[in-house]
Amino acid sequence: MSLFIALAAVLTVLIVVWVVWPLLRPAPQDGVSSQRLNAAIYRDQLEALDRDLASGAISPADHETTRDELQLRLLDDTAEPAAPATAQAPTFWSPRRTSAILALVLPLGAAGMYYWLGNPAALNPAAAQAAANEQVIQMVESLAAKLKANPDNPQGWAMLARSYKVMGRLDEAEQAYGKASDAISNHPDLLVDYAELLALRAGNRMEGRPVELIRQALKVDPEHPSALMMSGVAAYQLADFDGAAKEWEKLLSLLEPGSEDAKMTQENLDDARMQSALAKKQ
């Protein structure tokens, strides 16, 4: 998120410079070039007047009169304007003050708009995660309250049990699964999840009720990957290495070749085969 802040800061600075630079750039000075242009024009006219006199096109008297008029007009057009007549009264909104205010207002305005319309909490991942966790907890507690008021809802108890399990509230998860038996009897995912919960509470041992749930899941779906994996684990824990290898061979045939799950299953399968070979040599 620091990258986002850095990019936003760079873009803000570029925009401020783009807006403020025309105000700070010095105004072009056009007076001198205009006066020089007028002088050059009148100089050409005087030279043309002298040529007319030399060629006899005009009389010396006319030449003198016209030359005096041109010189007077030249003085008028090239004279410096009087300062009091053109000077503007000083105002508060000078270019420097305006640029300074814009440089302050633009970043503050952008930050205010983001705070109002954006998602400032996303800039703090820890705070965002805490807020999300708090929202999940509130949803779970709301579901628990509804089920307490109306307990005849097996699907709701199953959902609550899985939520409790994810949150690490294993005692409450087991109690919720106990009230959702009707909803999970033909649902292999829930049967496997319930078996995993019971095995976890029994020190990762699969004997007893967990194995029964796994077998029930495989009756509903003989190719359920998680059920095959846990069935192999149960057989391995009972030193039935051939049975474990059989379950994991079937699982391996269902997985995408080269995937992480396939690699892990292959390692388990190789270990089961090795343990079987060692047991047969004894």
Protein backbone atom coordinates (compact mmCIF):
# COMPACT_ATOMS: atom_id res chain seq x y z
CA MET A 1 0.00 0.00 0.00
CA SER A 2 3.03 2.30 0.42
CA LEU A 3 3.47 2.05 -3.37
CA PHE A 4 -0.07 3.40 -3.81
CA ILE A 5 0.71 6.34 -1.52
CA ALA A 6 3.97 7.06 -3.37
CA LEU A 7 2.27 7.03 -6.79
CA ALA A 8 -0.56 9.22 -5.53
CA ALA A 9 1.96 11.71 -4.10
CA VAL A 10 3.95 11.85 -7.36
CA LEU A 11 0.81 12.40 -9.45
CA THR A 12 -0.38 15.12 -7.07
CA VAL A 13 2.96 16.95 -7.30
CA LEU A 14 2.92 16.76 -11.11
CA ILE A 15 -0.61 18.19 -11.25
CA VAL A 16 0.28 21.00 -8.84
CA VAL A 17 3.35 21.92 -10.92
CA TRP A 18 1.30 21.81 -14.14
CA VAL A 19 -1.33 24.17 -12.67
CA VAL A 20 1.03 26.55 -10.84
CA TRP A 21 3.82 26.89 -13.39
CA PRO A 22 1.97 29.33 -15.72
CA LEU A 23 1.41 31.64 -12.71
CA LEU A 24 5.08 31.65 -11.73
CA ARG A 25 6.46 31.99 -15.26
CA PRO A 26 7.58 35.61 -15.93
CA ALA A 27 5.38 37.58 -18.32
CA PRO A 28 6.92 38.26 -21.76
CA GLN A 29 8.24 41.79 -22.31
CA ASP A 30 6.86 43.06 -25.63
CA GLY A 31 7.50 46.85 -25.28
CA VAL A 32 11.06 47.04 -26.60
CA SER A 33 10.42 44.89 -29.65
CA SER A 34 7.35 46.98 -30.56
CA GLN A 35 9.29 50.26 -30.29
CA ARG A 36 12.08 48.89 -32.43
CA LEU A 37 9.60 47.79 -35.05
CA ASN A 38 8.05 51.27 -35.21
CA ALA A 39 11.49 52.90 -35.47
CA ALA A 40 12.48 50.56 -38.33
CA ILE A 41 9.28 51.42 -40.23
CA TYR A 42 9.82 55.16 -39.92
CA ARG A 43 13.48 54.78 -40.83
CA ASP A 44 12.48 53.10 -44.09
CA GLN A 45 10.00 55.87 -44.79
CA LEU A 46 12.68 58.56 -44.23
CA GLU A 47 15.09 56.76 -46.54
CA ALA A 48 12.38 56.57 -49.21
CA LEU A 49 11.72 60.30 -48.73
CA ASP A 50 15.44 61.07 -49.24
CA ARG A 51 15.47 59.01 -52.44
CA ASP A 52 12.47 60.93 -53.78
CA LEU A 53 14.32 64.21 -53.10
CA ALA A 54 17.46 62.97 -54.85
CA SER A 55 15.48 61.87 -57.91
CA GLY A 56 13.62 65.18 -58.09
CA ALA A 57 10.24 63.58 -57.40
CA ILE A 58 9.54 66.14 -54.62
CA SER A 59 10.74 69.64 -53.89
CA PRO A 60 13.12 70.45 -51.03
CA ALA A 61 10.30 72.29 -49.22
CA ASP A 62 7.96 69.27 -49.42
CA HIS A 63 10.83 67.03 -48.35
CA GLU A 64 11.49 69.13 -45.28
CA THR A 65 7.81 69.31 -44.29
CA THR A 66 7.23 65.55 -44.71
CA ARG A 67 10.45 64.72 -42.86
CA ASP A 68 9.38 66.84 -39.86
CA GLU A 69 5.98 65.07 -39.74
CA LEU A 70 7.60 61.63 -39.83
CA GLN A 71 9.98 62.52 -37.03
CA LEU A 72 7.13 63.78 -34.84
CA ARG A 73 5.12 60.61 -35.45
CA LEU A 74 8.21 58.54 -34.68
CA LEU A 75 8.64 60.28 -31.33
CA ASP A 76 4.98 59.70 -30.44
CA ASP A 77 4.96 55.99 -31.35
CA THR A 78 8.24 55.11 -29.63
CA ALA A 79 7.74 57.14 -26.45
CA GLU A 80 7.64 55.15 -23.13
CA PRO A 81 4.10 55.08 -21.60
CA ALA A 82 3.70 57.01 -18.40
CA ALA A 83 4.00 54.64 -15.41
CA PRO A 84 1.03 56.01 -13.43
CA ALA A 85 -1.29 55.60 -16.43
CA THR A 86 -0.59 51.85 -16.94
CA ALA A 87 0.32 50.59 -13.50
CA GLN A 88 -2.33 48.40 -11.88
CA ALA A 89 -3.25 48.68 -8.25
CA PRO A 90 -1.77 45.79 -6.19
CA THR A 91 -4.26 43.04 -5.26
CA PHE A 92 -4.20 40.14 -2.81
CA TRP A 93 -4.38 37.57 -5.62
CA SER A 94 -0.86 38.01 -6.89
CA PRO A 95 0.58 35.15 -9.01
CA ARG A 96 2.81 33.98 -6.15
CA ARG A 97 0.01 33.97 -3.58
CA THR A 98 -2.36 32.24 -5.97
CA SER A 99 0.20 29.54 -6.77
CA ALA A 100 0.94 29.01 -3.07
CA ILE A 101 -2.75 28.61 -2.23
CA LEU A 102 -3.28 26.20 -5.13
CA ALA A 103 -0.25 24.15 -4.07
CA LEU A 104 -1.83 23.79 -0.63
CA VAL A 105 -5.47 23.35 -1.61
CA LEU A 106 -5.03 20.75 -4.39
CA PRO A 107 -3.31 18.03 -2.26
CA LEU A 108 -5.64 18.66 0.69
CA GLY A 109 -8.66 18.57 -1.59
CA ALA A 110 -7.53 15.31 -3.20
CA ALA A 111 -6.94 13.71 0.19
CA GLY A 112 -10.32 14.90 1.43
CA MET A 113 -12.13 13.53 -1.63
CA TYR A 114 -10.42 10.16 -1.20
CA TYR A 115 -11.32 10.09 2.49
CA TRP A 116 -14.94 10.89 1.61
CA LEU A 117 -15.43 8.77 -1.51
CA GLY A 118 -12.62 6.21 -1.29
CA ASN A 119 -11.66 3.50 1.16
CA PRO A 120 -9.02 4.87 3.56
CA ALA A 121 -9.15 1.71 5.67
CA ALA A 122 -7.62 -0.19 2.74
CA LEU A 123 -4.39 1.77 3.29
CA ASN A 124 -3.99 -0.11 6.58
CA PRO A 125 -4.14 -3.87 5.85
CA ALA A 126 -4.09 -4.80 9.54
CA ALA A 127 -7.05 -2.54 10.31
CA ALA A 128 -8.91 -3.78 7.22
CA GLN A 129 -8.33 -7.40 8.25
CA ALA A 130 -9.45 -6.68 11.80
CA ALA A 131 -12.62 -5.03 10.51
CA ALA A 132 -13.31 -8.02 8.23
CA ASN A 133 -12.78 -10.46 11.11
CA GLU A 134 -15.10 -8.45 13.31
CA GLN A 135 -17.76 -8.54 10.60
CA VAL A 136 -17.40 -12.33 10.25
CA ILE A 137 -17.71 -12.78 14.02
CA GLN A 138 -20.87 -10.69 14.05
CA MET A 139 -22.37 -12.77 11.23
CA VAL A 140 -21.56 -16.03 13.02
CA GLU A 141 -23.01 -14.78 16.31
CA SER A 142 -26.15 -13.64 14.48
CA LEU A 143 -26.54 -17.10 12.92
CA ALA A 144 -26.03 -18.75 16.32
CA ALA A 145 -28.74 -16.54 17.84
CA LYS A 146 -31.20 -17.42 15.07
CA LEU A 147 -30.53 -21.16 15.49
CA LYS A 148 -30.98 -20.88 19.24
CA ALA A 149 -34.40 -19.36 18.64
CA ASN A 150 -35.24 -21.85 15.87
CA PRO A 151 -33.11 -25.01 16.34
CA ASP A 152 -34.98 -27.08 13.75
CA ASN A 153 -32.60 -26.07 10.94
CA PRO A 154 -29.98 -28.77 10.15
CA GLN A 155 -28.50 -26.79 7.24
CA GLY A 156 -28.03 -23.80 9.51
CA TRP A 157 -26.29 -25.93 12.15
CA ALA A 158 -23.97 -27.35 9.50
CA MET A 159 -23.06 -23.85 8.33
CA LEU A 160 -22.49 -22.74 11.91
CA ALA A 161 -20.32 -25.80 12.60
CA ARG A 162 -18.02 -25.07 9.66
CA SER A 163 -17.76 -21.43 10.72
CA TYR A 164 -16.84 -22.40 14.26
CA LYS A 165 -14.22 -24.83 12.94
CA VAL A 166 -12.58 -22.17 10.78
CA MET A 167 -12.53 -19.82 13.78
CA GLY A 168 -10.87 -22.49 15.94
CA ARG A 169 -13.86 -22.87 18.26
CA LEU A 170 -13.72 -26.65 18.11
CA ASP A 171 -15.98 -27.48 21.06
CA GLU A 172 -18.79 -25.36 19.65
CA ALA A 173 -18.16 -26.74 16.16
CA GLU A 174 -18.57 -30.33 17.40
CA GLN A 175 -21.79 -29.44 19.20
CA ALA A 176 -23.17 -27.75 16.08
CA TYR A 177 -22.29 -30.76 13.89
CA GLY A 178 -24.08 -32.99 16.39
CA LYS A 179 -27.28 -31.01 15.72
CA ALA A 180 -26.80 -31.11 11.94
CA SER A 181 -26.64 -34.89 11.46
CA ASP A 182 -29.62 -34.99 9.11
CA ALA A 183 -28.13 -32.27 6.88
CA ILE A 184 -24.70 -33.89 6.51
CA SER A 185 -25.68 -37.54 6.06
CA ASN A 186 -25.60 -37.27 2.24
CA HIS A 187 -23.12 -34.41 1.97
CA PRO A 188 -19.55 -35.73 1.53
CA ASP A 189 -17.89 -32.36 2.04
CA LEU A 190 -19.58 -31.90 5.41
CA LEU A 191 -18.94 -35.52 6.41
CA VAL A 192 -15.22 -35.11 5.70
CA ASP A 193 -15.12 -31.79 7.51
CA TYR A 194 -16.83 -33.33 10.56
CA ALA A 195 -14.41 -36.28 10.50
CA GLU A 196 -11.45 -33.92 10.30
CA LEU A 197 -12.78 -31.98 13.28
CA LEU A 198 -13.19 -35.11 15.41
CA ALA A 199 -9.74 -36.39 14.40
CA LEU A 200 -8.22 -33.03 15.28
CA ARG A 201 -9.79 -33.13 18.73
CA ALA A 202 -8.50 -36.69 19.16
CA GLY A 203 -4.89 -35.76 18.49
CA ASN A 204 -5.11 -36.34 14.72
CA ARG A 205 -6.18 -39.96 15.22
CA MET A 206 -8.75 -41.39 12.81
CA GLU A 207 -10.00 -44.41 14.75
CA GLY A 208 -13.65 -44.65 15.65
CA ARG A 209 -16.16 -42.05 14.58
CA PRO A 210 -13.88 -40.20 12.10
CA VAL A 211 -13.34 -43.38 10.05
CA GLU A 212 -17.08 -44.07 10.04
CA LEU A 213 -17.77 -40.60 8.68
CA ILE A 214 -15.11 -41.00 5.96
CA ARG A 215 -16.57 -44.33 4.86
CA GLN A 216 -20.01 -42.76 4.73
CA ALA A 217 -18.64 -39.96 2.55
CA LEU A 218 -17.06 -42.46 0.14
CA LYS A 219 -20.38 -44.30 -0.15
CA VAL A 220 -21.97 -41.05 -1.33
CA ASP A 221 -19.02 -40.15 -3.60
CA PRO A 222 -16.40 -42.90 -4.14
CA GLU A 223 -14.08 -40.41 -5.87
CA HIS A 224 -14.18 -37.64 -3.29
CA PRO A 225 -10.53 -36.46 -3.10
CA SER A 226 -10.47 -35.39 0.56
CA ALA A 227 -12.27 -38.54 1.65
CA LEU A 228 -9.75 -40.71 -0.24
CA MET A 229 -6.86 -38.83 1.32
CA MET A 230 -8.21 -39.24 4.86
CA SER A 231 -9.14 -42.86 4.24
CA GLY A 232 -5.53 -43.51 3.30
CA VAL A 233 -4.38 -41.69 6.44
CA ALA A 234 -6.69 -43.85 8.58
CA ALA A 235 -5.30 -47.04 7.00
CA TYR A 236 -1.71 -45.83 7.42
CA GLN A 237 -2.28 -45.12 11.13
CA LEU A 238 -3.52 -48.71 11.54
CA ALA A 239 -0.37 -49.99 9.79
CA ASP A 240 -2.49 -51.09 6.80
CA PHE A 241 0.06 -49.77 4.33
CA ASP A 242 -1.36 -51.68 1.35
CA GLY A 243 -4.80 -50.23 2.11
CA ALA A 244 -3.30 -46.72 2.36
CA ALA A 245 -1.46 -47.19 -0.95
CA LYS A 246 -4.67 -48.36 -2.62
CA GLU A 247 -6.59 -45.25 -1.53
CA TRP A 248 -3.78 -42.89 -2.54
CA GLU A 249 -3.31 -44.60 -5.93
CA LYS A 250 -6.95 -43.91 -6.67
CA LEU A 251 -6.60 -40.34 -5.44
CA LEU A 252 -3.50 -39.78 -7.59
CA SER A 253 -5.43 -40.81 -10.71
CA LEU A 254 -7.96 -38.05 -10.02
CA LEU A 255 -5.46 -35.23 -9.49
CA GLU A 256 -3.90 -33.00 -12.10
CA PRO A 257 -0.43 -34.33 -12.98
CA GLY A 258 2.35 -32.10 -11.69
CA SER A 259 0.12 -30.22 -9.24
CA GLU A 260 1.15 -29.69 -5.64
CA ASP A 261 -1.57 -32.08 -4.44
CA ALA A 262 -0.36 -34.72 -6.88
CA LYS A 263 3.24 -34.33 -5.70
CA MET A 264 2.25 -34.65 -2.04
CA THR A 265 0.05 -37.67 -2.77
CA GLN A 266 2.89 -39.32 -4.69
CA GLU A 267 5.23 -38.82 -1.73
CA ASN A 268 2.66 -40.38 0.61
CA LEU A 269 2.13 -43.25 -1.82
CA ASP A 270 5.87 -43.92 -2.09
CA ASP A 271 6.16 -43.94 1.69
CA ALA A 272 3.23 -46.36 2.07
CA ARG A 273 4.75 -48.72 -0.46
CA MET A 274 8.12 -48.58 1.26
CA GLN A 275 6.54 -49.25 4.69
CA SER A 276 4.61 -52.19 3.18
CA ALA A 277 7.78 -53.67 1.71
CA LEU A 278 9.63 -53.32 5.03
CA ALA A 279 6.74 -54.90 6.95
CA LYS A 280 6.70 -57.92 4.61
CA LYS A 281 10.44 -58.50 5.08
CA GLN A 282 10.08 -58.77 8.84
